[in-house]
Protein backbone atom coordinates (compact mmCIF):
# COMPACT_ATOMS: atom_id res chain seq x y z
CA MET A 1 -18.45 -14.76 16.41
CA PRO A 2 -16.97 -11.78 18.29
CA ASP A 3 -16.19 -8.79 16.09
CA ASN A 4 -12.44 -9.24 16.50
CA CYS A 5 -12.67 -12.87 15.37
CA ARG A 6 -14.73 -11.93 12.33
CA ALA A 7 -12.29 -9.11 11.58
CA ALA A 8 -9.35 -11.52 11.84
CA VAL A 9 -10.97 -13.81 9.25
CA PHE A 10 -11.37 -10.90 6.81
CA PHE A 11 -7.83 -9.75 7.56
CA LEU A 12 -6.32 -13.18 6.91
CA ILE A 13 -8.23 -13.35 3.63
CA GLY A 14 -6.72 -9.97 2.80
CA VAL A 15 -3.22 -11.21 3.61
CA LEU A 16 -3.66 -14.17 1.26
CA VAL A 17 -5.08 -11.94 -1.47
CA SER A 18 -2.20 -9.48 -1.06
CA THR A 19 0.26 -12.35 -1.43
CA ALA A 20 -1.38 -13.31 -4.72
CA MET A 21 -1.10 -9.67 -5.79
CA LEU A 22 2.60 -9.68 -4.90
CA TRP A 23 3.13 -12.70 -7.15
CA MET A 24 1.31 -10.95 -10.01
CA ILE A 25 3.29 -7.73 -9.63
CA LYS A 26 6.63 -9.52 -9.28
CA THR A 27 5.88 -11.69 -12.33
CA LEU A 28 4.67 -8.82 -14.50
CA GLY A 29 7.42 -6.49 -13.31
CA GLN A 30 10.07 -8.66 -14.94
CA HIS A 31 8.72 -7.80 -18.41
CA TYR A 32 6.54 -4.67 -18.17
CA GLY A 33 7.04 -1.22 -16.72
CA PRO A 34 5.16 -0.01 -13.65
CA PHE A 35 3.15 2.56 -15.62
CA GLN A 36 1.73 -0.11 -17.90
CA ILE A 37 0.77 -2.25 -14.91
CA ILE A 38 -0.84 0.73 -13.15
CA LEU A 39 -2.80 1.67 -16.28
CA VAL A 40 -4.35 -1.75 -16.75
CA ARG A 41 -4.93 -2.26 -13.02
CA GLY A 42 -6.56 1.16 -12.61
CA GLY A 43 -8.59 0.74 -15.78
CA VAL A 44 -10.00 -2.59 -14.63
CA MET A 45 -10.86 -1.14 -11.23
CA ALA A 46 -12.55 1.92 -12.75
CA VAL A 47 -14.63 -0.17 -15.15
CA ALA A 48 -15.64 -2.63 -12.42
CA LEU A 49 -16.59 0.15 -9.99
CA ALA A 50 -18.26 2.45 -12.53
CA PRO A 51 -21.77 0.89 -12.36
CA PHE A 52 -21.82 1.24 -8.57
CA ALA A 53 -20.39 4.76 -8.69
CA LEU A 54 -22.95 5.88 -11.29
CA ALA A 55 -25.83 4.27 -9.42
CA GLN A 56 -24.78 6.02 -6.22
CA GLY A 57 -23.92 9.30 -7.91
CA SER A 58 -20.36 9.27 -6.56
CA MET A 59 -19.36 12.83 -7.34
CA PRO A 60 -17.30 15.24 -5.21
CA ALA A 61 -19.62 16.92 -2.72
CA THR A 62 -17.74 20.18 -2.12
CA ALA A 63 -15.81 22.61 -4.27
CA GLY A 64 -12.39 21.81 -2.81
CA THR A 65 -12.74 18.04 -3.10
CA PRO A 66 -11.62 17.61 -6.76
CA LEU A 67 -8.29 19.30 -6.02
CA LYS A 68 -7.74 17.06 -3.00
CA LEU A 69 -8.71 14.00 -5.04
CA ALA A 70 -6.16 15.01 -7.68
CA GLY A 71 -3.43 15.47 -5.06
CA ARG A 72 -4.26 12.16 -3.47
CA SER A 73 -4.21 10.42 -6.87
CA LEU A 74 -0.82 11.94 -7.66
CA LEU A 75 0.67 10.75 -4.37
CA ALA A 76 -0.84 7.27 -4.67
CA PHE A 77 0.31 7.06 -8.30
CA GLY A 78 3.88 7.84 -7.23
CA GLY A 79 3.62 5.27 -4.45
CA GLN A 80 2.38 2.61 -6.82
CA ALA A 81 4.97 3.32 -9.50
CA MET A 82 7.91 3.22 -7.10
CA GLY A 83 6.43 0.30 -5.16
CA ILE A 84 5.98 -1.85 -8.27
CA ALA A 85 9.52 -1.06 -9.41
CA ALA A 86 10.87 -1.97 -5.96
CA ILE A 87 8.91 -5.24 -5.80
CA ALA A 88 10.19 -6.19 -9.25
CA ALA A 89 13.84 -5.53 -8.33
CA LEU A 90 14.17 -6.37 -4.61
CA PRO A 91 13.67 -9.61 -2.68
CA LEU A 92 10.04 -9.67 -1.59
CA ALA A 93 10.99 -9.85 2.10
CA GLN A 94 13.00 -6.64 1.79
CA ALA A 95 10.35 -4.82 -0.25
CA GLN A 96 7.64 -5.81 2.23
CA SER A 97 9.74 -4.79 5.23
CA LEU A 98 10.48 -1.34 3.84
CA SER A 99 6.79 -0.82 3.03
CA PHE A 100 6.02 -1.00 6.76
CA THR A 101 7.84 2.32 7.22
CA LYS A 102 4.63 3.98 6.02
CA GLY A 103 3.20 3.63 9.54
CA PHE A 104 5.65 5.89 11.32
CA ILE A 105 6.06 8.25 8.36
CA VAL A 106 2.32 8.94 8.74
CA LEU A 107 2.94 9.86 12.37
CA GLY A 108 5.57 12.43 11.44
CA LEU A 109 3.38 13.94 8.71
CA ALA A 110 0.38 14.05 11.04
CA ALA A 111 2.43 16.06 13.55
CA LEU A 112 3.89 18.43 10.94
CA ILE A 113 0.91 18.92 8.62
CA LEU A 114 -2.20 18.14 10.65
CA ARG A 115 -0.74 19.51 13.90
CA GLU A 116 -1.79 16.37 15.73
CA GLN A 117 -0.31 15.72 19.15
CA VAL A 118 2.39 13.06 18.91
CA GLY A 119 3.69 11.92 22.28
CA VAL A 120 7.11 10.74 23.36
CA ARG A 121 6.19 7.10 22.81
CA ARG A 122 5.37 7.69 19.17
CA TRP A 123 8.45 9.80 18.51
CA ALA A 124 10.46 6.97 20.07
CA ALA A 125 8.73 4.57 17.68
CA MET A 126 9.86 6.68 14.73
CA VAL A 127 13.47 6.56 15.97
CA ILE A 128 13.29 2.77 16.39
CA GLY A 129 11.85 2.41 12.90
CA LEU A 130 14.58 4.63 11.45
CA ILE A 131 17.26 2.45 13.06
CA GLY A 132 15.59 -0.61 11.50
CA VAL A 133 15.65 1.05 8.08
CA LEU A 134 19.35 1.95 8.46
CA ILE A 135 20.18 -1.65 9.40
CA MET A 136 18.45 -2.87 6.26
CA LEU A 137 19.96 -0.24 3.96
CA GLN A 138 23.52 -0.35 5.40
CA PRO A 139 24.35 3.20 4.21
CA SER A 140 28.09 2.67 4.78
CA GLN A 141 28.03 0.32 1.79
CA GLY A 142 26.04 2.74 -0.39
CA PHE A 143 22.32 2.89 -1.17
CA ASP A 144 20.70 0.74 -3.81
CA PRO A 145 18.29 2.78 -5.96
CA GLU A 146 15.64 0.08 -5.56
CA GLU A 147 15.74 0.46 -1.78
CA LEU A 148 15.22 4.19 -2.11
CA LEU A 149 12.28 3.48 -4.41
CA ALA A 150 10.69 1.32 -1.70
CA LEU A 151 11.12 4.10 0.86
CA GLY A 152 9.82 6.68 -1.61
CA SER A 153 6.77 4.50 -2.18
CA ALA A 154 6.09 4.32 1.57
CA ALA A 155 6.48 8.10 1.86
CA CYS A 156 4.04 8.73 -1.01
CA PHE A 157 1.45 6.38 0.46
CA ALA A 158 1.90 8.06 3.84
CA GLY A 159 1.21 11.43 2.22
CA SER A 160 -1.81 9.95 0.46
CA THR A 161 -3.13 8.73 3.81
CA ILE A 162 -2.91 12.26 5.23
CA VAL A 163 -4.90 13.63 2.28
CA VAL A 164 -7.48 10.87 2.65
CA LYS A 165 -7.93 11.80 6.30
CA ALA A 166 -9.29 15.13 5.11
CA LEU A 167 -11.20 13.63 2.18
CA THR A 168 -13.17 11.20 4.34
CA ARG A 169 -15.11 14.20 5.67
CA GLU A 170 -16.10 15.20 2.13
CA ALA A 171 -16.44 11.97 0.12
CA ASP A 172 -17.55 8.38 0.76
CA ARG A 173 -15.32 5.38 0.20
CA LEU A 174 -16.78 4.39 -3.16
CA THR A 175 -16.11 7.90 -4.45
CA LEU A 176 -12.51 7.70 -3.24
CA MET A 177 -11.98 4.26 -4.77
CA PHE A 178 -13.57 5.08 -8.13
CA TRP A 179 -11.97 8.47 -8.70
CA GLY A 180 -8.67 7.15 -7.38
CA ALA A 181 -8.70 4.42 -10.02
CA VAL A 182 -9.63 6.97 -12.71
CA GLY A 183 -6.87 9.31 -11.57
CA HIS A 184 -4.22 6.59 -11.60
CA SER A 185 -5.23 5.53 -15.10
CA VAL A 186 -5.13 9.08 -16.46
CA LEU A 187 -1.70 9.73 -14.95
CA ALA A 188 -0.30 6.42 -16.17
CA LEU A 189 -1.71 6.59 -19.72
CA PRO A 190 0.92 8.75 -21.51
CA LEU A 191 3.85 7.10 -19.73
CA ALA A 192 2.47 3.61 -20.30
CA LEU A 193 1.95 4.27 -24.02
CA PHE A 194 5.49 5.63 -24.36
CA TRP A 195 7.04 2.51 -22.79
CA TRP A 196 4.34 0.06 -23.91
CA VAL A 197 5.31 -3.59 -24.34
CA ALA A 198 2.76 -5.81 -26.07
CA PRO A 199 1.61 -8.35 -23.44
CA THR A 200 1.21 -12.02 -24.21
CA PRO A 201 -2.33 -13.46 -23.83
CA GLY A 202 -1.33 -15.05 -20.52
CA ASP A 203 0.08 -11.76 -19.19
CA TRP A 204 -3.06 -9.93 -20.28
CA GLY A 205 -4.97 -12.35 -18.09
CA ILE A 206 -2.70 -11.64 -15.12
CA MET A 207 -3.03 -7.88 -15.61
CA LEU A 208 -6.82 -8.05 -15.74
CA CYS A 209 -6.91 -10.29 -12.67
CA LEU A 210 -4.67 -7.80 -10.85
CA GLY A 211 -7.37 -5.13 -11.01
CA LEU A 212 -10.06 -7.49 -9.71
CA VAL A 213 -7.77 -8.79 -6.97
CA ALA A 214 -7.09 -5.19 -5.90
CA ILE A 215 -10.82 -4.63 -5.37
CA ALA A 216 -11.10 -7.89 -3.41
CA LEU A 217 -8.17 -6.85 -1.22
CA GLN A 218 -9.73 -3.48 -0.45
CA ALA A 219 -13.07 -5.08 0.40
CA ALA A 220 -11.49 -7.61 2.78
CA MET A 221 -9.28 -5.09 4.55
CA LEU A 222 -12.04 -2.51 4.84
CA SER A 223 -14.32 -5.09 6.46
CA ALA A 224 -11.55 -6.11 8.85
CA TRP A 225 -10.68 -2.59 10.00
CA ARG A 226 -14.35 -1.67 10.46
CA LEU A 227 -15.04 -4.69 12.66
CA GLY A 228 -11.85 -5.15 14.66
CA GLU A 229 -9.67 -3.28 17.09
CA VAL A 230 -6.15 -2.24 16.21
CA SER A 231 -4.67 -4.18 19.12
CA ALA A 232 -6.17 -7.36 17.68
CA LEU A 233 -5.40 -6.76 14.00
CA ALA A 234 -2.05 -4.92 13.95
CA PRO A 235 0.04 -8.03 14.74
CA LEU A 236 -1.69 -9.91 11.90
CA ASP A 237 -0.48 -7.32 9.39
CA TYR A 238 3.06 -8.62 9.81
CA LEU A 239 2.00 -11.97 8.40
CA ARG A 240 2.49 -10.20 5.07
CA LEU A 241 6.22 -10.34 5.76
CA VAL A 242 5.99 -14.09 6.41
CA THR A 243 3.89 -14.81 3.32
CA GLY A 244 5.99 -12.48 1.17
CA THR A 245 9.22 -14.13 2.31
CA ALA A 246 7.77 -17.59 1.67
CA LEU A 247 6.54 -16.52 -1.76
CA GLY A 248 9.93 -15.07 -2.64
CA PHE A 249 11.68 -18.30 -1.63
CA LEU A 250 9.23 -20.76 -3.22
CA ALA A 251 8.35 -18.89 -6.42
CA PHE A 252 11.46 -16.82 -7.12
CA GLY A 253 14.29 -18.57 -5.24
CA GLU A 254 15.03 -15.57 -2.98
CA THR A 255 16.93 -16.00 0.29
CA PRO A 256 16.95 -12.78 2.37
CA GLU A 257 20.11 -11.68 4.18
CA PRO A 258 20.14 -11.65 8.03
CA GLU A 259 20.12 -7.85 8.20
CA ILE A 260 16.77 -7.85 6.40
CA PHE A 261 15.19 -9.79 9.26
CA ALA A 262 16.95 -7.66 11.90
CA GLY A 263 15.80 -4.41 10.34
CA ALA A 264 12.31 -5.77 9.73
CA GLY A 265 12.04 -6.74 13.40
CA LEU A 266 12.80 -3.18 14.52
CA ILE A 267 10.36 -1.71 11.99
CA ILE A 268 7.64 -4.03 13.28
CA VAL A 269 8.41 -3.06 16.90
CA ALA A 270 8.23 0.61 15.89
CA ASN A 271 4.78 0.18 14.38
CA ILE A 272 3.47 -1.75 17.38
CA VAL A 273 4.76 0.91 19.78
CA ALA A 274 3.21 3.66 17.65
CA LEU A 275 -0.17 1.93 17.61
CA ALA A 276 -0.14 0.87 21.25
CA ARG A 277 -2.49 3.63 22.45
CA ASN A 278 -4.98 3.43 19.59
CA ARG A 279 -8.17 1.44 20.20
CA ARG A 280 -9.50 1.59 16.67
CA VAL A 281 -7.83 2.47 13.41
CA PRO A 282 -9.34 4.94 10.92
CA GLU A 283 -10.50 3.37 7.69
CA ALA A 284 -7.54 2.40 5.59
CA ASP A 285 -6.81 4.19 2.37
CA SER A 286 -8.11 1.25 0.45
CA ALA A 287 -8.05 2.95 -2.89
CA ASP A 288 -4.23 2.96 -3.01
């Protein structure tokens, strides 16, 4: 099979796995706080990855790497905490749509922090995306805190992506994944214990599966991005909006408002315009 076809298969597997993860987070989020979910998820990931990390000797290679790993863990932790809270409170279609703002937030941060050249087309994409966000939020009617949490999550993950761009020169992917999981668990531990709710046996099973599913998602997406071109894979990413909307309707009885679809359409257009000149995407920050 051509590389793009093989990549598309991995990507579609990732979309299905991410939909299962959405169901788990939405279900758990009705009864447990985000810190508790992050703790168990990160702990499962760290334990599962530890044998491979120890066998490989996945330690920071340079003196400045631990500080960058800590900063990246803090940003990703904030993104996860706000993202889980938003998924639990918002219709899945809306939460998924707002998460796509990460793409053009990364562009702005790359221009401001990394001093990368961002052309007129990409600045135009950011404006289009911003209009899409405003349509969804309808600021004249006041902001919902959950919507701001979704945007805050996207901003944190965008910042994490910028840090990872620097880290990929100093650490391999297994190192990033393992120490990311450890960092998330350490940050979540005191907050999770303070707001701890004793899970039922069934919910314990879902929490444990969440960590394993997260590893499977990262593996599938990493394989897809390594094999395929952005022009072939980027449109497939928006299937997450379709599967998330279907999941919300079938599993949770959610019916999105028309402005959600209108705003989501503009956000998708913004991301496609921003990616139009790229031939290949850098490796995704799969440890988020």
